[in-house]
Amino acid sequence: MARLRLGPLLRYVDGSAATVWVETDRPCTAEVRCADGAGGSAHTFQIAGHHYALIPVTGLTPGTETAYEVRLGGADGMGAVWPTPDARFPASTIRTPAGDGADALRVTFGSCRWAAPPSGEHDPVGPDALDTLAARIAADPAAERPDVLLLLGDQVYADQTSKATRRWLAARRDLADAPGAQVADYEEYTHLYYESWLDPEVRWLLSTVPSCMIFDDHDVIDDWNTSAAWLAEMRATPWWRERVLSGLMSYWVYQHLGNLRPEELASDAVHAAVCATPDGTDALRAFAAAADANPTSARWSYRRDFGRVRLLMVDTRAARVLTEGERAMLDPEEARWLREQALDGAGGVDHLLVGTSLPWLLPHLIHDAEGWNAALCRGERGARWARFGENLRRRSDLEHWSAFPPSFEALTSLLAEAGSGGEAPATVCVLSGDVHHAYVAEPSWPPDSGPDARVLQLTCSPVHNSIPTSIKLGFRFGWSRVGRALGRRFARHGGVTQAGIDWRRTGGPWFGNQLMTLTLHGRSARLRLDQARTARGGAVRLETTEERDLT
């Protein structure tokens, strides 16, 4: 009988349909059966010797919750594989929205998660916020829980592997050869997902809370696509091509495929190609190679609508234009898509959420330093300064929206336009991670030129990772008056034009393993920040650090 290797992951949910992702140990038919009679099935497809299915579930009733099980098999019958016989968590369920606007929508988000060590082992970076959230929900399944979980990048770390993974890699190949203790191919990527998503708490959490995901650099490698010079150096190495193709292939399988709505899945050419053959590896590899060579050949960004709340998840890594003098966070096709989606159906949205792994608004010192660095790298102060700027860009990770000044201004203009007019959303929120702390920043426009909506930068990171002292000191200083004055000096040296808006930090910075939740009900919005902390006696729990109304 076929066995479940990983999953199930509950990905898409609306009032009558859902999708459930699984990995199995052999080819089979995967089926979801719900207690209320809803269900669906799909045959697995094969990638590099691994077998997967994204199962469409239909017949769900709006405004209900139903338990489900996963069954695997074929012509000789189906066997139940989830819940497992030794399950210590409540039944996995699918909650559907009523669709009448009466219920609140809870959106929980964060980024940057190292896999938690096995139970009983010391955790050097403190309790995992996702593990802790799972334990809280499992303790009271009827209590409040997220309606969707947004994972905003660095779901796995291909370049910073754990001790256990390094031992596994060393048994497979010689770590003296590049890329050393980093992952090298598709099989090694699958190990990262097993290490992260077989964590019992996280496995159950992802089986019962719908999720949306987008990559950031560590899903492939630190500083991924930071500059044209960086990319040229990486492409000259003998190991990079296999690394990036495996990274994109595994991301498509484990993360991106589940982001698609059922109707998008039904028309997706790549999904059709890998399902049309006994082994879809070559078809997916060709897609990944085309995406790496030409970013416009693939779109990793996507849109999800939750009633009158719109989420736009934006790819800020693979869609970049890197040529100096033409640098952009988004290529023209991607920028056009974002604009169309943000402005589509004016008046039909109460809240617009833009998910981008990299923050739009940073401390003023860092914002100005990134603009200054971009000017140096494009040669504004000569060749010597350009070489210095490139080196500094890589060492200091100067690659956020502010490192692409035209893209920063374009996003600022788009957010203002989307938030303007008589039927504007109540809020326009940019949701980000990456920077290993949390904060709230709010822009201000010149008089009589700002949007009607309240526009906010909401940043939350990490879910489970280290928080060096340098980050704590650097970001606190970056928001200070002295830091802002120093940033202006950088800007003047590079001849950088000041941004068309100003902004201020209105919350934080908060440091810790944490998750941020937006509760959206009609045109109201409420923010809560929860941190995973160890109490006396060793008990781990989520403690609310901040809670406030946004409207």
Protein backbone atom coordinates (compact mmCIF):
# COMPACT_ATOMS: atom_id res chain seq x y z
CA MET A 1 0.00 0.00 0.00
CA ALA A 2 1.15 3.53 -0.75
CA ARG A 3 2.24 5.64 2.21
CA LEU A 4 2.15 9.35 2.92
CA ARG A 5 5.66 10.79 2.85
CA LEU A 6 4.82 14.44 3.59
CA GLY A 7 1.67 16.45 4.14
CA PRO A 8 -1.20 16.86 3.92
CA LEU A 9 -1.01 20.63 3.45
CA LEU A 10 -4.30 22.50 3.22
CA ARG A 11 -3.58 25.24 0.69
CA TYR A 12 -6.56 26.93 -1.01
CA VAL A 13 -9.99 27.26 0.62
CA ASP A 14 -13.13 29.14 -0.46
CA GLY A 15 -16.81 28.65 0.28
CA SER A 16 -17.20 25.42 -1.68
CA ALA A 17 -13.74 24.18 -2.73
CA ALA A 18 -10.26 23.53 -1.38
CA THR A 19 -6.94 22.00 -2.43
CA VAL A 20 -4.84 19.59 -0.38
CA TRP A 21 -1.18 18.84 -1.25
CA VAL A 22 0.53 15.52 -0.48
CA GLU A 23 3.75 13.67 -1.21
CA THR A 24 3.55 9.87 -1.36
CA ASP A 25 6.16 7.11 -1.54
CA ARG A 26 4.97 5.68 -4.88
CA PRO A 27 2.56 6.37 -7.75
CA CYS A 28 -1.04 6.15 -6.61
CA THR A 29 -4.38 7.88 -6.46
CA ALA A 30 -4.67 10.34 -3.58
CA GLU A 31 -8.12 11.04 -2.21
CA VAL A 32 -9.56 13.45 0.35
CA ARG A 33 -12.79 12.38 2.05
CA CYS A 34 -14.62 14.87 4.25
CA ALA A 35 -17.00 14.00 7.06
CA ASP A 36 -19.78 16.00 5.38
CA GLY A 37 -19.51 14.04 2.11
CA ALA A 38 -17.34 16.49 0.17
CA GLY A 39 -14.11 15.24 -1.37
CA GLY A 40 -11.93 14.77 -4.39
CA SER A 41 -9.05 12.76 -5.81
CA ALA A 42 -6.02 13.13 -8.08
CA HIS A 43 -3.38 10.79 -9.46
CA THR A 44 0.16 11.55 -8.41
CA PHE A 45 2.79 13.00 -10.72
CA GLN A 46 6.50 12.18 -10.52
CA ILE A 47 9.46 14.56 -10.16
CA ALA A 48 12.99 13.16 -9.69
CA GLY A 49 11.72 9.91 -8.19
CA HIS A 50 9.26 11.65 -5.82
CA HIS A 51 5.48 11.49 -6.13
CA TYR A 52 3.05 14.35 -5.47
CA ALA A 53 -0.57 15.33 -5.87
CA LEU A 54 -2.59 18.48 -5.39
CA ILE A 55 -6.08 17.21 -4.68
CA PRO A 56 -9.08 19.40 -5.57
CA VAL A 57 -11.83 19.11 -2.94
CA THR A 58 -15.33 20.08 -4.07
CA GLY A 59 -18.82 20.01 -2.59
CA LEU A 60 -17.97 21.91 0.59
CA THR A 61 -20.70 23.92 2.30
CA PRO A 62 -20.08 27.63 2.94
CA GLY A 63 -19.72 28.65 6.58
CA THR A 64 -18.99 25.15 7.91
CA GLU A 65 -16.12 23.10 9.29
CA THR A 66 -15.59 19.48 8.36
CA ALA A 67 -12.96 16.94 9.34
CA TYR A 68 -11.17 15.16 6.51
CA GLU A 69 -9.00 12.14 5.94
CA VAL A 70 -6.48 11.30 3.22
CA ARG A 71 -6.60 7.92 1.51
CA LEU A 72 -4.07 6.46 -0.94
CA GLY A 73 -4.37 3.53 -3.31
CA GLY A 74 -5.47 2.41 -6.74
CA ALA A 75 -7.35 -0.35 -8.44
CA ASP A 76 -6.92 -2.64 -5.44
CA GLY A 77 -8.59 -0.20 -3.07
CA MET A 78 -7.86 2.85 -0.92
CA GLY A 79 -6.26 2.91 2.50
CA ALA A 80 -6.46 5.70 5.07
CA VAL A 81 -3.08 7.33 5.80
CA TRP A 82 -4.18 10.56 7.55
CA PRO A 83 -4.85 11.04 10.40
CA THR A 84 -2.16 8.60 11.45
CA PRO A 85 -3.13 5.83 13.89
CA ASP A 86 -0.97 7.38 16.61
CA ALA A 87 -2.19 10.96 16.02
CA ARG A 88 -1.91 13.14 19.13
CA PHE A 89 -3.54 16.18 17.54
CA PRO A 90 -7.22 16.87 16.83
CA ALA A 91 -8.67 15.92 13.45
CA SER A 92 -7.54 18.06 10.52
CA THR A 93 -10.45 20.15 9.31
CA ILE A 94 -11.44 22.44 6.45
CA ARG A 95 -13.23 25.64 7.52
CA THR A 96 -15.06 27.42 4.74
CA PRO A 97 -16.04 31.12 4.79
CA ALA A 98 -19.73 31.92 4.85
CA GLY A 99 -19.31 34.44 2.06
CA ASP A 100 -21.84 36.88 3.48
CA GLY A 101 -19.30 39.24 5.02
CA ALA A 102 -20.53 38.52 8.54
CA ASP A 103 -17.33 36.79 9.67
CA ALA A 104 -13.95 38.37 10.33
CA LEU A 105 -10.92 37.30 8.31
CA ARG A 106 -7.77 36.53 10.34
CA VAL A 107 -4.53 36.73 8.39
CA THR A 108 -1.41 35.57 10.25
CA PHE A 109 1.99 36.17 8.68
CA GLY A 110 5.73 35.93 9.25
CA SER A 111 8.95 34.81 7.59
CA CYS A 112 12.36 33.27 8.15
CA ARG A 113 12.02 29.87 9.76
CA TRP A 114 14.85 27.53 10.58
CA ALA A 115 13.54 24.02 11.10
CA ALA A 116 12.96 23.44 14.82
CA PRO A 117 15.24 20.82 16.41
CA PRO A 118 13.68 17.48 17.36
CA SER A 119 11.69 17.39 20.58
CA GLY A 120 13.95 17.21 23.61
CA GLU A 121 16.93 18.88 21.96
CA HIS A 122 18.10 22.34 23.03
CA ASP A 123 16.88 25.11 20.75
CA PRO A 124 19.57 27.83 20.58
CA VAL A 125 17.24 30.44 19.07
CA GLY A 126 14.25 29.92 21.36
CA PRO A 127 10.79 28.47 20.76
CA ASP A 128 9.38 28.24 17.25
CA ALA A 129 6.39 30.55 16.76
CA LEU A 130 4.68 28.13 14.35
CA ASP A 131 5.09 25.20 16.74
CA THR A 132 3.69 27.36 19.53
CA LEU A 133 0.73 28.49 17.41
CA ALA A 134 -0.03 24.85 16.58
CA ALA A 135 0.01 23.88 20.25
CA ARG A 136 -2.36 26.73 21.12
CA ILE A 137 -4.85 25.77 18.42
CA ALA A 138 -4.65 22.06 19.25
CA ALA A 139 -5.35 22.77 22.92
CA ASP A 140 -8.65 24.45 21.99
CA PRO A 141 -9.71 23.64 18.41
CA ALA A 142 -12.92 25.66 18.76
CA ALA A 143 -11.08 28.85 19.70
CA GLU A 144 -9.94 31.62 17.37
CA ARG A 145 -7.45 30.54 14.72
CA PRO A 146 -6.01 32.07 11.53
CA ASP A 147 -8.14 31.79 8.42
CA VAL A 148 -4.97 31.88 6.34
CA LEU A 149 -1.27 31.69 7.10
CA LEU A 150 1.08 33.80 4.93
CA LEU A 151 4.68 32.57 4.85
CA LEU A 152 6.68 35.45 3.41
CA GLY A 153 9.97 33.84 2.48
CA ASP A 154 12.83 31.68 3.71
CA GLN A 155 10.60 28.68 4.36
CA VAL A 156 13.76 26.56 4.00
CA TYR A 157 17.43 27.54 4.20
CA ALA A 158 19.39 26.01 1.34
CA ASP A 159 22.58 27.78 2.41
CA GLN A 160 22.44 27.48 6.22
CA THR A 161 21.83 23.82 6.95
CA SER A 162 21.40 22.25 10.39
CA LYS A 163 23.91 19.89 12.01
CA ALA A 164 21.62 16.96 11.28
CA THR A 165 21.34 17.93 7.61
CA ARG A 166 25.08 18.41 7.32
CA ARG A 167 25.57 14.87 8.62
CA TRP A 168 23.05 13.62 6.05
CA LEU A 169 24.82 15.52 3.27
CA ALA A 170 28.22 14.19 4.36
CA ALA A 171 26.94 10.62 4.08
CA ARG A 172 25.81 11.39 0.53
CA ARG A 173 28.81 13.29 -0.90
CA ASP A 174 32.15 14.89 -0.04
CA LEU A 175 31.51 18.24 1.64
CA ALA A 176 34.98 19.41 0.65
CA ASP A 177 33.55 19.93 -2.84
CA ALA A 178 31.39 22.98 -3.59
CA PRO A 179 28.78 23.86 -2.52
CA GLY A 180 29.94 22.15 0.65
CA ALA A 181 27.35 21.95 3.42
CA GLN A 182 24.76 23.78 1.33
CA VAL A 183 22.24 21.81 -0.70
CA ALA A 184 23.28 20.91 -4.22
CA ASP A 185 20.37 19.24 -6.03
CA TYR A 186 16.68 18.40 -5.98
CA GLU A 187 17.03 15.39 -3.68
CA GLU A 188 18.79 17.53 -1.09
CA TYR A 189 16.04 20.15 -1.32
CA THR A 190 13.46 17.47 -0.55
CA HIS A 191 15.39 16.71 2.63
CA LEU A 192 15.04 20.35 3.75
CA TYR A 193 11.26 20.17 3.38
CA TYR A 194 11.11 16.87 5.26
CA GLU A 195 13.18 18.34 8.08
CA SER A 196 10.96 21.43 8.29
CA TRP A 197 7.46 20.13 7.54
CA LEU A 198 7.63 16.74 9.30
CA ASP A 199 7.93 18.65 12.56
CA PRO A 200 4.76 17.20 14.18
CA GLU A 201 3.29 20.53 15.27
CA VAL A 202 3.95 22.25 11.96
CA ARG A 203 2.74 19.25 9.98
CA TRP A 204 -0.60 19.31 11.79
CA LEU A 205 -0.86 23.12 11.62
CA LEU A 206 -0.34 23.13 7.85
CA SER A 207 -2.93 20.37 7.48
CA THR A 208 -5.68 22.44 9.08
CA VAL A 209 -4.86 26.13 8.39
CA PRO A 210 -4.77 27.23 4.72
CA SER A 211 -1.45 28.72 3.62
CA CYS A 212 -0.03 31.06 0.98
CA MET A 213 3.73 31.18 0.37
CA ILE A 214 6.36 33.16 -1.53
CA PHE A 215 10.12 32.65 -1.66
CA ASP A 216 12.97 34.89 -0.57
CA ASP A 217 16.71 34.54 -1.03
CA HIS A 218 17.55 31.71 1.39
CA ASP A 219 15.05 29.43 -0.34
CA VAL A 220 17.77 29.42 -3.02
CA ILE A 221 20.85 31.22 -1.61
CA ASP A 222 21.70 34.34 0.37
CA ASP A 223 21.73 37.48 -1.83
CA TRP A 224 19.96 35.64 -4.66
CA ASN A 225 19.84 38.04 -7.64
CA THR A 226 21.33 40.94 -5.71
CA SER A 227 23.09 42.32 -8.82
CA ALA A 228 24.19 41.52 -12.36
CA ALA A 229 27.80 41.13 -11.20
CA TRP A 230 26.73 38.68 -8.47
CA LEU A 231 24.72 36.63 -10.96
CA ALA A 232 27.59 36.49 -13.46
CA GLU A 233 29.94 35.20 -10.77
CA MET A 234 27.46 32.55 -9.66
CA ARG A 235 26.82 31.36 -13.22
CA ALA A 236 30.57 30.90 -13.66
CA THR A 237 30.71 28.32 -10.85
CA PRO A 238 30.31 24.62 -11.76
CA TRP A 239 27.58 23.98 -9.16
CA TRP A 240 25.25 26.97 -9.51
CA ARG A 241 23.10 25.81 -12.42
CA GLU A 242 22.03 22.60 -10.68
CA ARG A 243 21.42 24.54 -7.48
CA VAL A 244 19.18 27.21 -8.98
CA LEU A 245 17.22 24.80 -11.19
CA SER A 246 16.67 22.47 -8.23
CA GLY A 247 15.64 25.42 -6.09
CA LEU A 248 13.05 26.59 -8.61
CA MET A 249 11.79 23.06 -9.29
CA SER A 250 11.36 22.24 -5.61
CA TYR A 251 9.75 25.62 -4.95
CA TRP A 252 7.22 24.98 -7.73
CA VAL A 253 6.37 21.56 -6.27
CA TYR A 254 6.38 22.26 -2.54
CA GLN A 255 5.22 25.86 -2.40
CA HIS A 256 4.03 27.50 -5.63
CA LEU A 257 1.66 24.82 -6.91
CA GLY A 258 -0.54 25.12 -3.82
CA ASN A 259 -0.75 28.89 -4.23
CA LEU A 260 -2.88 28.45 -7.34
CA ARG A 261 -6.66 28.72 -7.30
CA PRO A 262 -8.47 25.59 -8.61
CA GLU A 263 -9.33 27.28 -11.90
CA GLU A 264 -5.69 28.37 -12.31
CA LEU A 265 -4.52 24.85 -11.54
CA ALA A 266 -6.88 23.43 -14.18
CA SER A 267 -5.37 25.68 -16.86
CA ASP A 268 -1.72 25.64 -15.72
CA ALA A 269 0.46 24.43 -18.58
CA VAL A 270 3.32 23.24 -16.37
CA HIS A 271 1.01 21.19 -14.14
CA ALA A 272 -0.61 19.67 -17.24
CA ALA A 273 2.80 18.82 -18.70
CA VAL A 274 4.14 17.06 -15.60
CA CYS A 275 0.88 15.13 -15.18
CA ALA A 276 0.77 14.04 -18.83
CA THR A 277 3.84 11.81 -18.59
CA PRO A 278 4.95 9.04 -16.20
CA ASP A 279 7.92 11.21 -15.22
CA GLY A 280 7.50 15.00 -15.28
CA THR A 281 11.09 15.79 -14.32
CA ASP A 282 12.22 16.93 -17.77
CA ALA A 283 9.15 19.12 -18.28
CA LEU A 284 9.60 20.84 -14.90
CA ARG A 285 13.35 21.22 -15.41
CA ALA A 286 12.77 22.87 -18.78
CA PHE A 287 10.34 25.29 -17.14
CA ALA A 288 12.85 26.10 -14.38
CA ALA A 289 15.64 26.64 -16.91
CA ALA A 290 13.47 29.04 -18.92
CA ALA A 291 12.46 30.89 -15.74
CA ASP A 292 16.10 31.28 -14.71
CA ALA A 293 17.19 32.48 -18.14
CA ASN A 294 14.27 34.84 -18.72
CA PRO A 295 12.22 36.01 -15.71
CA THR A 296 9.31 37.03 -17.92
CA SER A 297 8.72 33.38 -18.90
CA ALA A 298 7.34 32.58 -15.43
CA ARG A 299 5.18 34.40 -12.94
CA TRP A 300 5.59 33.46 -9.30
CA SER A 301 3.42 36.33 -8.04
CA TYR A 302 -0.26 35.60 -7.53
CA ARG A 303 -3.57 36.99 -6.33
CA ARG A 304 -5.99 35.62 -3.78
CA ASP A 305 -9.37 37.16 -2.87
CA PHE A 306 -11.01 36.52 0.49
CA GLY A 307 -14.39 38.13 0.03
CA ARG A 308 -13.68 41.87 0.01
CA VAL A 309 -10.04 41.43 1.07
CA ARG A 310 -7.50 41.15 -1.74
CA LEU A 311 -4.04 39.67 -1.30
CA LEU A 312 -1.32 40.24 -3.89
CA MET A 313 1.78 38.14 -3.21
CA VAL A 314 4.70 39.68 -5.10
CA ASP A 315 7.90 37.98 -6.25
CA THR A 316 10.78 40.29 -5.33
CA ARG A 317 13.59 37.85 -6.22
CA ALA A 318 13.19 36.14 -9.59
CA ALA A 319 11.41 39.05 -11.33
CA ARG A 320 14.24 41.56 -10.94
CA VAL A 321 15.98 43.52 -13.68
CA LEU A 322 19.67 43.54 -12.72
CA THR A 323 21.40 45.50 -15.48
CA GLU A 324 23.01 48.58 -13.92
CA GLY A 325 21.24 51.70 -15.10
CA GLU A 326 18.04 49.70 -15.65
CA ARG A 327 17.73 48.00 -12.26
CA ALA A 328 14.19 47.30 -11.12
CA MET A 329 12.65 45.17 -8.40
CA LEU A 330 10.04 43.99 -10.92
CA ASP A 331 10.44 43.52 -14.65
CA PRO A 332 7.97 45.50 -16.79
CA GLU A 333 5.56 42.58 -17.23
CA GLU A 334 5.50 41.89 -13.49
CA ALA A 335 5.03 45.57 -12.68
CA ARG A 336 2.15 45.76 -15.16
CA TRP A 337 0.53 42.69 -13.58
CA LEU A 338 0.82 44.17 -10.08
CA ARG A 339 -0.75 47.42 -11.19
CA GLU A 340 -3.64 45.68 -12.93
CA GLN A 341 -4.41 43.50 -9.93
CA ALA A 342 -4.16 46.35 -7.42
CA LEU A 343 -6.55 48.55 -9.38
CA ASP A 344 -8.92 45.84 -10.63
CA GLY A 345 -12.55 46.32 -9.59
CA ALA A 346 -12.30 49.67 -7.86
CA GLY A 347 -14.76 49.82 -4.99
CA GLY A 348 -14.93 46.06 -4.53
CA VAL A 349 -12.20 45.83 -1.90
CA ASP A 350 -12.30 46.83 1.78
CA HIS A 351 -8.65 45.96 2.40
CA LEU A 352 -5.74 45.56 -0.02
CA LEU A 353 -2.81 43.45 1.21
CA VAL A 354 0.48 43.42 -0.69
CA GLY A 355 2.73 40.58 0.41
CA THR A 356 6.39 41.22 -0.41
CA SER A 357 9.16 39.42 1.43
CA LEU A 358 11.29 42.59 1.44
CA PRO A 359 9.95 45.64 3.30
CA TRP A 360 8.92 48.70 1.33
CA LEU A 361 9.56 51.15 4.21
CA LEU A 362 12.78 50.75 6.19
CA PRO A 363 14.51 52.92 8.80
CA HIS A 364 15.55 56.18 7.12
CA LEU A 365 19.27 55.49 7.56
CA ILE A 366 18.98 52.14 5.75
CA HIS A 367 16.69 53.56 3.07
CA ASP A 368 19.13 56.36 2.26
CA ALA A 369 22.15 54.05 2.48
CA GLU A 370 20.59 51.71 -0.07
CA GLY A 371 19.80 54.57 -2.44
CA TRP A 372 23.35 55.90 -2.02
CA ASN A 373 24.76 52.43 -2.65
CA ALA A 374 22.65 52.04 -5.80
CA ALA A 375 24.04 55.36 -7.10
CA LEU A 376 27.62 54.25 -6.43
CA CYS A 377 27.11 50.90 -8.16
CA ARG A 378 25.78 52.51 -11.31
CA GLY A 379 28.90 54.68 -11.47
CA GLU A 380 27.67 58.05 -10.20
CA ARG A 381 30.95 58.59 -8.29
CA GLY A 382 33.32 56.76 -10.65
CA ALA A 383 34.70 53.25 -11.10
CA ARG A 384 36.47 52.97 -7.71
CA TRP A 385 33.33 53.90 -5.84
CA ALA A 386 31.35 51.49 -8.03
CA ARG A 387 33.61 48.59 -7.01
CA PHE A 388 33.32 49.61 -3.38
CA GLY A 389 29.54 49.87 -3.71
CA GLU A 390 29.18 46.40 -5.19
CA ASN A 391 31.24 44.87 -2.41
CA LEU A 392 29.24 46.75 0.22
CA ARG A 393 25.92 45.80 -1.40
CA ARG A 394 26.70 42.10 -1.00
CA ARG A 395 28.23 42.25 2.47
CA SER A 396 25.42 44.38 3.90
CA ASP A 397 22.42 42.96 2.00
CA LEU A 398 21.53 46.35 0.48
CA GLU A 399 18.83 45.03 -1.84
CA HIS A 400 15.40 46.06 -0.55
CA TRP A 401 12.91 48.25 -2.41
CA SER A 402 14.98 51.32 -1.55
CA ALA A 403 17.95 49.80 -3.39
CA PHE A 404 15.83 50.08 -6.55
CA PRO A 405 14.77 53.76 -6.32
CA PRO A 406 12.50 53.84 -9.41
CA SER A 407 10.73 50.70 -8.17
CA PHE A 408 10.31 52.21 -4.71
CA GLU A 409 8.69 55.30 -6.19
CA ALA A 410 6.51 53.22 -8.52
CA LEU A 411 5.23 51.09 -5.65
CA THR A 412 4.62 54.19 -3.55
CA SER A 413 2.61 55.76 -6.36
CA LEU A 414 0.62 52.57 -6.93
CA LEU A 415 -0.28 52.19 -3.26
CA ALA A 416 -1.49 55.80 -3.18
CA GLU A 417 -3.55 55.34 -6.34
CA ALA A 418 -5.06 52.07 -5.11
CA GLY A 419 -5.97 53.76 -1.84
CA SER A 420 -7.59 56.84 -3.40
CA GLY A 421 -11.10 57.71 -4.46
CA GLY A 422 -14.59 57.62 -3.05
CA GLU A 423 -14.65 53.81 -2.93
CA ALA A 424 -11.07 53.33 -1.76
CA PRO A 425 -10.18 50.46 0.60
CA ALA A 426 -10.11 51.26 4.29
CA THR A 427 -6.50 50.06 4.50
CA VAL A 428 -3.65 49.29 2.13
CA CYS A 429 -1.10 47.17 3.99
CA VAL A 430 2.31 46.02 2.82
CA LEU A 431 3.15 42.77 4.62
CA SER A 432 6.84 41.87 4.80
CA GLY A 433 9.48 39.89 6.65
CA ASP A 434 13.23 39.35 6.03
CA VAL A 435 14.75 41.72 8.60
CA HIS A 436 14.50 39.55 11.75
CA HIS A 437 12.34 41.90 13.77
CA ALA A 438 8.86 43.40 13.65
CA TYR A 439 7.67 46.98 13.30
CA VAL A 440 4.89 49.18 11.99
CA ALA A 441 5.69 52.15 9.74
CA GLU A 442 3.26 54.68 8.34
CA PRO A 443 3.90 57.00 5.37
CA SER A 444 2.76 60.58 5.00
CA TRP A 445 2.26 62.42 1.73
CA PRO A 446 2.52 66.13 0.98
CA PRO A 447 -0.69 68.04 1.79
CA ASP A 448 -3.66 67.31 -0.49
CA SER A 449 -1.82 64.55 -2.35
CA GLY A 450 -2.18 61.48 -0.16
CA PRO A 451 -4.56 58.53 -0.44
CA ASP A 452 -7.89 58.18 1.33
CA ALA A 453 -7.01 54.74 2.71
CA ARG A 454 -4.69 54.26 5.65
CA VAL A 455 -1.43 52.89 4.21
CA LEU A 456 0.87 50.87 6.46
CA GLN A 457 4.08 48.86 6.32
CA LEU A 458 3.68 45.81 8.59
CA THR A 459 6.85 43.79 9.03
CA CYS A 460 7.15 40.54 11.02
CA SER A 461 10.20 38.32 11.22
CA PRO A 462 11.53 35.83 12.24
CA VAL A 463 9.23 32.90 12.89
CA HIS A 464 12.19 30.89 14.20
CA ASN A 465 15.71 32.20 13.70
CA SER A 466 18.62 34.01 15.29
CA ILE A 467 18.48 37.72 16.06
CA PRO A 468 22.06 39.03 16.24
CA THR A 469 22.85 41.98 18.48
CA SER A 470 24.03 43.87 15.40
CA ILE A 471 20.49 43.73 13.98
CA LYS A 472 18.99 45.01 17.22
CA LEU A 473 21.45 47.89 17.51
CA GLY A 474 21.48 48.70 13.80
CA PHE A 475 17.73 48.96 13.36
CA ARG A 476 17.20 50.91 16.56
CA PHE A 477 19.86 53.38 15.45
CA GLY A 478 18.45 53.44 11.91
CA TRP A 479 15.14 54.86 13.18
CA SER A 480 16.82 57.49 15.39
CA ARG A 481 17.22 61.17 14.56
CA VAL A 482 20.99 60.76 14.39
CA GLY A 483 20.59 57.80 12.04
CA ARG A 484 18.25 59.79 9.84
CA ALA A 485 20.72 62.69 9.65
CA LEU A 486 23.53 60.29 8.74
CA GLY A 487 21.35 58.77 6.02
CA ARG A 488 20.81 62.22 4.49
CA ARG A 489 24.56 62.68 4.26
CA PHE A 490 24.86 59.38 2.37
CA ALA A 491 22.10 60.50 0.02
CA ARG A 492 23.79 63.83 -0.68
CA HIS A 493 27.10 62.09 -1.44
CA GLY A 494 25.40 59.89 -4.02
CA GLY A 495 23.27 62.67 -5.46
CA VAL A 496 20.14 60.74 -4.48
CA THR A 497 16.79 62.48 -4.84
CA GLN A 498 14.76 62.35 -1.65
CA ALA A 499 11.69 60.12 -1.67
CA GLY A 500 8.38 61.76 -2.51
CA ILE A 501 6.94 60.71 0.86
CA ASP A 502 8.02 60.72 4.46
CA TRP A 503 7.28 57.99 7.01
CA ARG A 504 7.65 57.23 10.68
CA ARG A 505 7.80 54.16 12.83
CA THR A 506 4.56 53.85 14.81
CA GLY A 507 5.25 50.48 16.46
CA GLY A 508 8.30 48.47 17.49
CA PRO A 509 10.92 47.47 16.89
CA TRP A 510 10.05 44.10 18.49
CA PHE A 511 12.61 41.31 18.60
CA GLY A 512 11.80 37.63 19.06
CA ASN A 513 10.31 34.62 17.31
CA GLN A 514 6.92 36.01 16.40
CA LEU A 515 3.83 36.16 14.22
CA MET A 516 1.64 39.10 13.31
CA THR A 517 -2.13 38.79 12.79
CA LEU A 518 -4.50 41.12 10.98
CA THR A 519 -8.18 40.73 11.86
CA LEU A 520 -10.28 42.28 9.09
CA HIS A 521 -14.03 42.68 9.55
CA GLY A 522 -15.93 44.87 7.13
CA ARG A 523 -13.86 48.05 6.93
CA SER A 524 -12.27 47.61 10.35
CA ALA A 525 -8.76 46.26 10.90
CA ARG A 526 -7.01 45.19 14.07
CA LEU A 527 -3.35 44.24 14.50
CA ARG A 528 -1.88 41.79 17.00
CA LEU A 529 1.74 40.70 17.48
CA ASP A 530 2.40 37.43 19.34
CA GLN A 531 5.82 36.24 20.48
CA ALA A 532 6.78 32.67 21.39
CA ARG A 533 8.22 32.68 24.90
CA THR A 534 9.28 30.14 27.49
CA ALA A 535 7.60 30.68 30.83
CA ARG A 536 8.73 29.49 34.23
CA GLY A 537 8.67 25.74 34.41
CA GLY A 538 9.56 25.40 30.73
CA ALA A 539 6.08 25.88 29.26
CA VAL A 540 6.11 27.60 25.87
CA ARG A 541 3.29 29.89 24.82
CA LEU A 542 2.39 32.77 22.55
CA GLU A 543 2.22 36.06 24.42
CA THR A 544 0.64 39.14 22.90
CA THR A 545 3.20 41.94 22.68
CA GLU A 546 1.10 44.51 20.83
CA GLU A 547 -2.54 44.92 19.89
CA ARG A 548 -4.17 47.95 18.28
CA ASP A 549 -6.91 49.11 15.93
CA LEU A 550 -5.75 50.27 12.51
CA THR A 551 -8.95 51.99 11.38
